[in-house]
Amino acid sequence: MVLFIGAPEVMIVLLIVVMLFGADKIPEIARGLGKGMRQIKDATNDIKREINTSAVKHDIDLDVTKDIKKEIDSVKENLDDVTGPIKRNF
């Protein structure tokens, strides 16, 4: 299941596409969609690369998530310490 769409829905969409555009236009449409997706991916990678380059140039730490994860893990451990006796009673 991709994006909450099952196999029957995909088949119906494909049938409608074939009926609207014809079998000979489907490869052109797929090629255009592929090129568009590739351009979006390249643009996204360029933006990421630019952010990383700028961050390294200005000595900015991009790995903020490590600190947040550490804090969350410590809160979980403290919570387990507090709720441990309660869980054992049930």
PDB file of N, CA and C in Angstrom:
ATOM      1  N   MET A   1       0.841  -1.184   0.000  1.00  0.00           N
ATOM      2  CA  MET A   1       0.000   0.000   0.000  1.00  0.00           C
ATOM      3  C   MET A   1       0.883   1.244   0.000  1.00  0.00           C
ATOM      4  N   VAL A   2       0.788   2.022  -1.024  1.00  0.00           N
ATOM      5  CA  VAL A   2       1.580   3.230  -1.179  1.00  0.00           C
ATOM      6  C   VAL A   2       0.649   4.427  -1.107  1.00  0.00           C
ATOM      7  N   LEU A   3       0.904   5.302  -0.142  1.00  0.00           N
ATOM      8  CA  LEU A   3       0.103   6.510   0.030  1.00  0.00           C
ATOM      9  C   LEU A   3      -1.382   6.199   0.178  1.00  0.00           C
ATOM     10  N   PHE A   4      -1.678   5.150   0.889  1.00  0.00           N
ATOM     11  CA  PHE A   4      -3.050   4.747   1.169  1.00  0.00           C
ATOM     12  C   PHE A   4      -3.818   4.377  -0.101  1.00  0.00           C
ATOM     13  N   ILE A   5      -3.106   3.956  -1.136  1.00  0.00           N
ATOM     14  CA  ILE A   5      -3.747   3.531  -2.375  1.00  0.00           C
ATOM     15  C   ILE A   5      -3.456   2.047  -2.541  1.00  0.00           C
ATOM     16  N   GLY A   6      -4.496   1.268  -2.686  1.00  0.00           N
ATOM     17  CA  GLY A   6      -4.343  -0.158  -2.861  1.00  0.00           C
ATOM     18  C   GLY A   6      -4.244  -0.532  -4.327  1.00  0.00           C
ATOM     19  N   ALA A   7      -4.078  -1.819  -4.588  1.00  0.00           N
ATOM     20  CA  ALA A   7      -3.940  -2.316  -5.953  1.00  0.00           C
ATOM     21  C   ALA A   7      -5.178  -2.029  -6.810  1.00  0.00           C
ATOM     22  N   PRO A   8      -6.401  -2.203  -6.294  1.00  0.00           N
ATOM     23  CA  PRO A   8      -7.567  -1.912  -7.139  1.00  0.00           C
ATOM     24  C   PRO A   8      -7.631  -0.445  -7.579  1.00  0.00           C
ATOM     25  N   GLU A   9      -7.271   0.460  -6.688  1.00  0.00           N
ATOM     26  CA  GLU A   9      -7.293   1.877  -7.047  1.00  0.00           C
ATOM     27  C   GLU A   9      -6.254   2.189  -8.115  1.00  0.00           C
ATOM     28  N   VAL A  10      -5.076   1.572  -7.991  1.00  0.00           N
ATOM     29  CA  VAL A  10      -4.023   1.785  -8.985  1.00  0.00           C
ATOM     30  C   VAL A  10      -4.482   1.283 -10.347  1.00  0.00           C
ATOM     31  N   MET A  11      -5.119   0.130 -10.374  1.00  0.00           N
ATOM     32  CA  MET A  11      -5.610  -0.428 -11.647  1.00  0.00           C
ATOM     33  C   MET A  11      -6.651   0.492 -12.276  1.00  0.00           C
ATOM     34  N   ILE A  12      -7.533   1.047 -11.482  1.00  0.00           N
ATOM     35  CA  ILE A  12      -8.560   1.955 -12.009  1.00  0.00           C
ATOM     36  C   ILE A  12      -7.903   3.216 -12.583  1.00  0.00           C
ATOM     37  N   VAL A  13      -6.930   3.769 -11.866  1.00  0.00           N
ATOM     38  CA  VAL A  13      -6.228   4.956 -12.348  1.00  0.00           C
ATOM     39  C   VAL A  13      -5.514   4.642 -13.664  1.00  0.00           C
ATOM     40  N   LEU A  14      -4.827   3.504 -13.738  1.00  0.00           N
ATOM     41  CA  LEU A  14      -4.141   3.128 -14.972  1.00  0.00           C
ATOM     42  C   LEU A  14      -5.122   2.945 -16.123  1.00  0.00           C
ATOM     43  N   LEU A  15      -6.268   2.357 -15.864  1.00  0.00           N
ATOM     44  CA  LEU A  15      -7.288   2.179 -16.897  1.00  0.00           C
ATOM     45  C   LEU A  15      -7.777   3.536 -17.408  1.00  0.00           C
ATOM     46  N   ILE A  16      -8.005   4.467 -16.506  1.00  0.00           N
ATOM     47  CA  ILE A  16      -8.463   5.804 -16.904  1.00  0.00           C
ATOM     48  C   ILE A  16      -7.378   6.518 -17.717  1.00  0.00           C
ATOM     49  N   VAL A  17      -6.122   6.381 -17.321  1.00  0.00           N
ATOM     50  CA  VAL A  17      -5.025   7.006 -18.060  1.00  0.00           C
ATOM     51  C   VAL A  17      -4.943   6.443 -19.472  1.00  0.00           C
ATOM     52  N   VAL A  18      -5.062   5.134 -19.600  1.00  0.00           N
ATOM     53  CA  VAL A  18      -5.018   4.513 -20.931  1.00  0.00           C
ATOM     54  C   VAL A  18      -6.192   4.987 -21.770  1.00  0.00           C
ATOM     55  N   MET A  19      -7.372   5.087 -21.168  1.00  0.00           N
ATOM     56  CA  MET A  19      -8.548   5.520 -21.923  1.00  0.00           C
ATOM     57  C   MET A  19      -8.418   6.990 -22.347  1.00  0.00           C
ATOM     58  N   LEU A  20      -7.862   7.838 -21.492  1.00  0.00           N
ATOM     59  CA  LEU A  20      -7.756   9.259 -21.810  1.00  0.00           C
ATOM     60  C   LEU A  20      -6.654   9.560 -22.827  1.00  0.00           C
ATOM     61  N   PHE A  21      -5.472   8.985 -22.621  1.00  0.00           N
ATOM     62  CA  PHE A  21      -4.325   9.360 -23.428  1.00  0.00           C
ATOM     63  C   PHE A  21      -3.973   8.350 -24.510  1.00  0.00           C
ATOM     64  N   GLY A  22      -4.416   7.135 -24.374  1.00  0.00           N
ATOM     65  CA  GLY A  22      -4.054   6.099 -25.334  1.00  0.00           C
ATOM     66  C   GLY A  22      -2.731   5.461 -24.957  1.00  0.00           C
ATOM     67  N   ALA A  23      -2.549   4.248 -25.424  1.00  0.00           N
ATOM     68  CA  ALA A  23      -1.357   3.477 -25.062  1.00  0.00           C
ATOM     69  C   ALA A  23      -0.087   4.086 -25.633  1.00  0.00           C
ATOM     70  N   ASP A  24      -0.172   4.792 -26.781  1.00  0.00           N
ATOM     71  CA  ASP A  24       1.034   5.341 -27.396  1.00  0.00           C
ATOM     72  C   ASP A  24       1.568   6.575 -26.673  1.00  0.00           C
ATOM     73  N   LYS A  25       0.755   7.263 -25.900  1.00  0.00           N
ATOM     74  CA  LYS A  25       1.196   8.473 -25.183  1.00  0.00           C
ATOM     75  C   LYS A  25       1.755   8.165 -23.794  1.00  0.00           C
ATOM     76  N   ILE A  26       1.485   6.994 -23.266  1.00  0.00           N
ATOM     77  CA  ILE A  26       1.912   6.663 -21.901  1.00  0.00           C
ATOM     78  C   ILE A  26       3.440   6.717 -21.742  1.00  0.00           C
ATOM     79  N   PRO A  27       4.241   6.185 -22.676  1.00  0.00           N
ATOM     80  CA  PRO A  27       5.702   6.311 -22.495  1.00  0.00           C
ATOM     81  C   PRO A  27       6.184   7.762 -22.464  1.00  0.00           C
ATOM     82  N   GLU A  28       5.571   8.631 -23.273  1.00  0.00           N
ATOM     83  CA  GLU A  28       5.946  10.047 -23.251  1.00  0.00           C
ATOM     84  C   GLU A  28       5.622  10.678 -21.899  1.00  0.00           C
ATOM     85  N   ILE A  29       4.450  10.358 -21.377  1.00  0.00           N
ATOM     86  CA  ILE A  29       4.036  10.893 -20.079  1.00  0.00           C
ATOM     87  C   ILE A  29       4.986  10.398 -18.992  1.00  0.00           C
ATOM     88  N   ALA A  30       5.311   9.098 -19.017  1.00  0.00           N
ATOM     89  CA  ALA A  30       6.214   8.530 -18.011  1.00  0.00           C
ATOM     90  C   ALA A  30       7.594   9.172 -18.109  1.00  0.00           C
ATOM     91  N   ARG A  31       8.086   9.399 -19.337  1.00  0.00           N
ATOM     92  CA  ARG A  31       9.381  10.031 -19.529  1.00  0.00           C
ATOM     93  C   ARG A  31       9.371  11.446 -18.953  1.00  0.00           C
ATOM     94  N   GLY A  32       8.300  12.185 -19.221  1.00  0.00           N
ATOM     95  CA  GLY A  32       8.191  13.543 -18.695  1.00  0.00           C
ATOM     96  C   GLY A  32       8.140  13.565 -17.181  1.00  0.00           C
ATOM     97  N   LEU A  33       7.378  12.629 -16.605  1.00  0.00           N
ATOM     98  CA  LEU A  33       7.318  12.549 -15.137  1.00  0.00           C
ATOM     99  C   LEU A  33       8.679  12.180 -14.555  1.00  0.00           C
ATOM    100  N   GLY A  34       9.374  11.262 -15.216  1.00  0.00           N
ATOM    101  CA  GLY A  34      10.706  10.867 -14.748  1.00  0.00           C
ATOM    102  C   GLY A  34      11.684  12.028 -14.775  1.00  0.00           C
ATOM    103  N   LYS A  35      11.661  12.801 -15.868  1.00  0.00           N
ATOM    104  CA  LYS A  35      12.543  13.961 -15.971  1.00  0.00           C
ATOM    105  C   LYS A  35      12.209  14.989 -14.896  1.00  0.00           C
ATOM    106  N   GLY A  36      10.920  15.213 -14.667  1.00  0.00           N
ATOM    107  CA  GLY A  36      10.506  16.169 -13.640  1.00  0.00           C
ATOM    108  C   GLY A  36      10.950  15.736 -12.254  1.00  0.00           C
ATOM    109  N   MET A  37      10.778  14.450 -11.947  1.00  0.00           N
ATOM    110  CA  MET A  37      11.199  13.943 -10.640  1.00  0.00           C
ATOM    111  C   MET A  37      12.714  14.050 -10.488  1.00  0.00           C
ATOM    112  N   ARG A  38      13.448  13.793 -11.563  1.00  0.00           N
ATOM    113  CA  ARG A  38      14.909  13.892 -11.527  1.00  0.00           C
ATOM    114  C   ARG A  38      15.346  15.334 -11.266  1.00  0.00           C
ATOM    115  N   GLN A  39      14.678  16.287 -11.913  1.00  0.00           N
ATOM    116  CA  GLN A  39      15.017  17.697 -11.702  1.00  0.00           C
ATOM    117  C   GLN A  39      14.743  18.124 -10.269  1.00  0.00           C
ATOM    118  N   ILE A  40      13.632  17.640  -9.703  1.00  0.00           N
ATOM    119  CA  ILE A  40      13.310  17.960  -8.305  1.00  0.00           C
ATOM    120  C   ILE A  40      14.365  17.371  -7.374  1.00  0.00           C
ATOM    121  N   LYS A  41      14.761  16.119  -7.645  1.00  0.00           N
ATOM    122  CA  LYS A  41      15.778  15.476  -6.811  1.00  0.00           C
ATOM    123  C   LYS A  41      17.106  16.219  -6.907  1.00  0.00           C
ATOM    124  N   ASP A  42      17.498  16.612  -8.125  1.00  0.00           N
ATOM    125  CA  ASP A  42      18.747  17.350  -8.296  1.00  0.00           C
ATOM    126  C   ASP A  42      18.694  18.700  -7.581  1.00  0.00           C
ATOM    127  N   ALA A  43      17.560  19.385  -7.687  1.00  0.00           N
ATOM    128  CA  ALA A  43      17.419  20.678  -7.016  1.00  0.00           C
ATOM    129  C   ALA A  43      17.506  20.510  -5.500  1.00  0.00           C
ATOM    130  N   THR A  44      16.881  19.466  -4.978  1.00  0.00           N
ATOM    131  CA  THR A  44      16.930  19.198  -3.540  1.00  0.00           C
ATOM    132  C   THR A  44      18.355  18.908  -3.095  1.00  0.00           C
ATOM    133  N   ASN A  45      19.072  18.095  -3.878  1.00  0.00           N
ATOM    134  CA  ASN A  45      20.464  17.796  -3.535  1.00  0.00           C
ATOM    135  C   ASN A  45      21.332  19.050  -3.598  1.00  0.00           C
ATOM    136  N   ASP A  46      21.077  19.919  -4.580  1.00  0.00           N
ATOM    137  CA  ASP A  46      21.833  21.171  -4.668  1.00  0.00           C
ATOM    138  C   ASP A  46      21.592  22.050  -3.437  1.00  0.00           C
ATOM    139  N   ILE A  47      20.342  22.113  -3.003  1.00  0.00           N
ATOM    140  CA  ILE A  47      20.020  22.920  -1.822  1.00  0.00           C
ATOM    141  C   ILE A  47      20.705  22.348  -0.586  1.00  0.00           C
ATOM    142  N   LYS A  48      20.662  21.032  -0.427  1.00  0.00           N
ATOM    143  CA  LYS A  48      21.324  20.394   0.717  1.00  0.00           C
ATOM    144  C   LYS A  48      22.826  20.656   0.691  1.00  0.00           C
ATOM    145  N   ARG A  49      23.414  20.509  -0.498  1.00  0.00           N
ATOM    146  CA  ARG A  49      24.849  20.726  -0.631  1.00  0.00           C
ATOM    147  C   ARG A  49      25.205  22.182  -0.301  1.00  0.00           C
ATOM    148  N   GLU A  50      24.377  23.116  -0.752  1.00  0.00           N
ATOM    149  CA  GLU A  50      24.625  24.532  -0.473  1.00  0.00           C
ATOM    150  C   GLU A  50      24.525  24.833   1.027  1.00  0.00           C
ATOM    151  N   ILE A  51      23.532  24.237   1.686  1.00  0.00           N
ATOM    152  CA  ILE A  51      23.377  24.432   3.139  1.00  0.00           C
ATOM    153  C   ILE A  51      24.578  23.863   3.878  1.00  0.00           C
ATOM    154  N   ASN A  52      24.992  22.647   3.501  1.00  0.00           N
ATOM    155  CA  ASN A  52      26.141  22.031   4.168  1.00  0.00           C
ATOM    156  C   ASN A  52      27.413  22.827   3.930  1.00  0.00           C
ATOM    157  N   THR A  53      27.616  23.301   2.702  1.00  0.00           N
ATOM    158  CA  THR A  53      28.800  24.098   2.393  1.00  0.00           C
ATOM    159  C   THR A  53      28.806  25.389   3.202  1.00  0.00           C
ATOM    160  N   SER A  54      27.657  26.030   3.275  1.00  0.00           N
ATOM    161  CA  SER A  54      27.557  27.277   4.027  1.00  0.00           C
ATOM    162  C   SER A  54      27.776  27.033   5.516  1.00  0.00           C
ATOM    163  N   ALA A  55      27.236  25.922   6.018  1.00  0.00           N
ATOM    164  CA  ALA A  55      27.387  25.617   7.438  1.00  0.00           C
ATOM    165  C   ALA A  55      28.841  25.333   7.781  1.00  0.00           C
ATOM    166  N   VAL A  56      29.533  24.606   6.916  1.00  0.00           N
ATOM    167  CA  VAL A  56      30.939  24.302   7.169  1.00  0.00           C
ATOM    168  C   VAL A  56      31.755  25.591   7.096  1.00  0.00           C
ATOM    169  N   LYS A  57      31.425  26.441   6.146  1.00  0.00           N
ATOM    170  CA  LYS A  57      32.160  27.704   5.986  1.00  0.00           C
ATOM    171  C   LYS A  57      32.003  28.588   7.220  1.00  0.00           C
ATOM    172  N   HIS A  58      30.812  28.595   7.818  1.00  0.00           N
ATOM    173  CA  HIS A  58      30.546  29.451   8.970  1.00  0.00           C
ATOM    174  C   HIS A  58      30.651  28.705  10.294  1.00  0.00           C
ATOM    175  N   ASP A  59      31.157  27.469  10.232  1.00  0.00           N
ATOM    176  CA  ASP A  59      31.385  26.647  11.425  1.00  0.00           C
ATOM    177  C   ASP A  59      30.105  26.479  12.256  1.00  0.00           C
ATOM    178  N   ILE A  60      29.036  26.043  11.573  1.00  0.00           N
ATOM    179  CA  ILE A  60      27.750  25.804  12.236  1.00  0.00           C
ATOM    180  C   ILE A  60      27.563  24.304  12.387  1.00  0.00           C
ATOM    181  N   ASP A  61      27.122  23.876  13.577  1.00  0.00           N
ATOM    182  CA  ASP A  61      26.884  22.459  13.841  1.00  0.00           C
ATOM    183  C   ASP A  61      25.502  22.075  13.316  1.00  0.00           C
ATOM    184  N   LEU A  62      25.475  21.199  12.301  1.00  0.00           N
ATOM    185  CA  LEU A  62      24.200  20.761  11.730  1.00  0.00           C
ATOM    186  C   LEU A  62      23.621  19.548  12.452  1.00  0.00           C
ATOM    187  N   ASP A  63      24.408  18.949  13.339  1.00  0.00           N
ATOM    188  CA  ASP A  63      23.953  17.724  13.981  1.00  0.00           C
ATOM    189  C   ASP A  63      23.302  18.034  15.321  1.00  0.00           C
ATOM    190  N   VAL A  64      22.322  18.901  15.311  1.00  0.00           N
ATOM    191  CA  VAL A  64      21.596  19.282  16.511  1.00  0.00           C
ATOM    192  C   VAL A  64      20.753  18.119  17.015  1.00  0.00           C
ATOM    193  N   THR A  65      20.379  17.239  16.120  1.00  0.00           N
ATOM    194  CA  THR A  65      19.500  16.136  16.497  1.00  0.00           C
ATOM    195  C   THR A  65      20.156  15.203  17.504  1.00  0.00           C
ATOM    196  N   LYS A  66      21.495  15.119  17.505  1.00  0.00           N
ATOM    197  CA  LYS A  66      22.169  14.264  18.485  1.00  0.00           C
ATOM    198  C   LYS A  66      21.866  14.723  19.904  1.00  0.00           C
ATOM    199  N   ASP A  67      21.950  16.033  20.135  1.00  0.00           N
ATOM    200  CA  ASP A  67      21.677  16.572  21.462  1.00  0.00           C
ATOM    201  C   ASP A  67      20.229  16.330  21.864  1.00  0.00           C
ATOM    202  N   ILE A  68      19.322  16.535  20.938  1.00  0.00           N
ATOM    203  CA  ILE A  68      17.902  16.328  21.231  1.00  0.00           C
ATOM    204  C   ILE A  68      17.641  14.870  21.540  1.00  0.00           C
ATOM    205  N   LYS A  69      18.231  13.959  20.762  1.00  0.00           N
ATOM    206  CA  LYS A  69      18.035  12.533  20.993  1.00  0.00           C
ATOM    207  C   LYS A  69      18.585  12.124  22.359  1.00  0.00           C
ATOM    208  N   LYS A  70      19.745  12.693  22.730  1.00  0.00           N
ATOM    209  CA  LYS A  70      20.313  12.387  24.046  1.00  0.00           C
ATOM    210  C   LYS A  70      19.358  12.809  25.159  1.00  0.00           C
ATOM    211  N   GLU A  71      18.794  13.998  25.034  1.00  0.00           N
ATOM    212  CA  GLU A  71      17.853  14.498  26.045  1.00  0.00           C
ATOM    213  C   GLU A  71      16.613  13.611  26.113  1.00  0.00           C
ATOM    214  N   ILE A  72      16.092  13.222  24.976  1.00  0.00           N
ATOM    215  CA  ILE A  72      14.899  12.359  24.951  1.00  0.00           C
ATOM    216  C   ILE A  72      15.207  11.021  25.592  1.00  0.00           C
ATOM    217  N   ASP A  73      16.373  10.456  25.291  1.00  0.00           N
ATOM    218  CA  ASP A  73      16.756   9.168  25.889  1.00  0.00           C
ATOM    219  C   ASP A  73      16.903   9.277  27.400  1.00  0.00           C
ATOM    220  N   SER A  74      17.469  10.383  27.867  1.00  0.00           N
ATOM    221  CA  SER A  74      17.619  10.527  29.320  1.00  0.00           C
ATOM    222  C   SER A  74      16.260  10.690  29.996  1.00  0.00           C
ATOM    223  N   VAL A  75      15.342  11.390  29.351  1.00  0.00           N
ATOM    224  CA  VAL A  75      13.991  11.524  29.911  1.00  0.00           C
ATOM    225  C   VAL A  75      13.304  10.167  29.937  1.00  0.00           C
ATOM    226  N   LYS A  76      13.488   9.372  28.898  1.00  0.00           N
ATOM    227  CA  LYS A  76      12.898   8.031  28.872  1.00  0.00           C
ATOM    228  C   LYS A  76      13.442   7.168  30.008  1.00  0.00           C
ATOM    229  N   GLU A  77      14.764   7.244  30.223  1.00  0.00           N
ATOM    230  CA  GLU A  77      15.363   6.462  31.301  1.00  0.00           C
ATOM    231  C   GLU A  77      14.830   6.898  32.655  1.00  0.00           C
ATOM    232  N   ASN A  78      14.736   8.200  32.864  1.00  0.00           N
ATOM    233  CA  ASN A  78      14.197   8.707  34.126  1.00  0.00           C
ATOM    234  C   ASN A  78      12.744   8.292  34.302  1.00  0.00           C
ATOM    235  N   LEU A  79      12.002   8.318  33.243  1.00  0.00           N
ATOM    236  CA  LEU A  79      10.602   7.916  33.306  1.00  0.00           C
ATOM    237  C   LEU A  79      10.485   6.434  33.633  1.00  0.00           C
ATOM    238  N   ASP A  80      11.360   5.614  33.038  1.00  0.00           N
ATOM    239  CA  ASP A  80      11.361   4.185  33.336  1.00  0.00           C
ATOM    240  C   ASP A  80      11.721   3.938  34.797  1.00  0.00           C
ATOM    241  N   ASP A  81      12.649   4.737  35.336  1.00  0.00           N
ATOM    242  CA  ASP A  81      13.019   4.587  36.744  1.00  0.00           C
ATOM    243  C   ASP A  81      11.829   4.889  37.655  1.00  0.00           C
ATOM    244  N   VAL A  82      11.050   5.894  37.286  1.00  0.00           N
ATOM    245  CA  VAL A  82       9.907   6.289  38.107  1.00  0.00           C
ATOM    246  C   VAL A  82       8.758   5.309  37.958  1.00  0.00           C
ATOM    247  N   THR A  83       8.493   4.879  36.720  1.00  0.00           N
ATOM    248  CA  THR A  83       7.324   4.026  36.482  1.00  0.00           C
ATOM    249  C   THR A  83       7.628   2.549  36.656  1.00  0.00           C
ATOM    250  N   GLY A  84       8.902   2.190  36.803  1.00  0.00           N
ATOM    251  CA  GLY A  84       9.266   0.778  36.966  1.00  0.00           C
ATOM    252  C   GLY A  84       8.515   0.093  38.101  1.00  0.00           C
ATOM    253  N   PRO A  85       8.551   0.645  39.317  1.00  0.00           N
ATOM    254  CA  PRO A  85       7.820  -0.007  40.418  1.00  0.00           C
ATOM    255  C   PRO A  85       6.314  -0.073  40.182  1.00  0.00           C
ATOM    256  N   ILE A  86       5.778   0.929  39.512  1.00  0.00           N
ATOM    257  CA  ILE A  86       4.342   0.944  39.241  1.00  0.00           C
ATOM    258  C   ILE A  86       3.992  -0.164  38.261  1.00  0.00           C
ATOM    259  N   LYS A  87       4.812  -0.345  37.241  1.00  0.00           N
ATOM    260  CA  LYS A  87       4.554  -1.380  36.242  1.00  0.00           C
ATOM    261  C   LYS A  87       4.661  -2.757  36.872  1.00  0.00           C
ATOM    262  N   ARG A  88       5.600  -2.950  37.790  1.00  0.00           N
ATOM    263  CA  ARG A  88       5.769  -4.256  38.416  1.00  0.00           C
ATOM    264  C   ARG A  88       4.586  -4.635  39.283  1.00  0.00           C
ATOM    265  N   ASN A  89       3.912  -3.626  39.856  1.00  0.00           N
ATOM    266  CA  ASN A  89       2.760  -3.914  40.700  1.00  0.00           C
ATOM    267  C   ASN A  89       1.562  -4.394  39.877  1.00  0.00           C
ATOM    268  N   PHE A  90       1.503  -3.999  38.635  1.00  0.00           N
ATOM    269  CA  PHE A  90       0.378  -4.412  37.789  1.00  0.00           C
ATOM    270  C   PHE A  90       0.776  -5.586  37.020  1.00  0.00           C
TER     271      PHE A  90
END
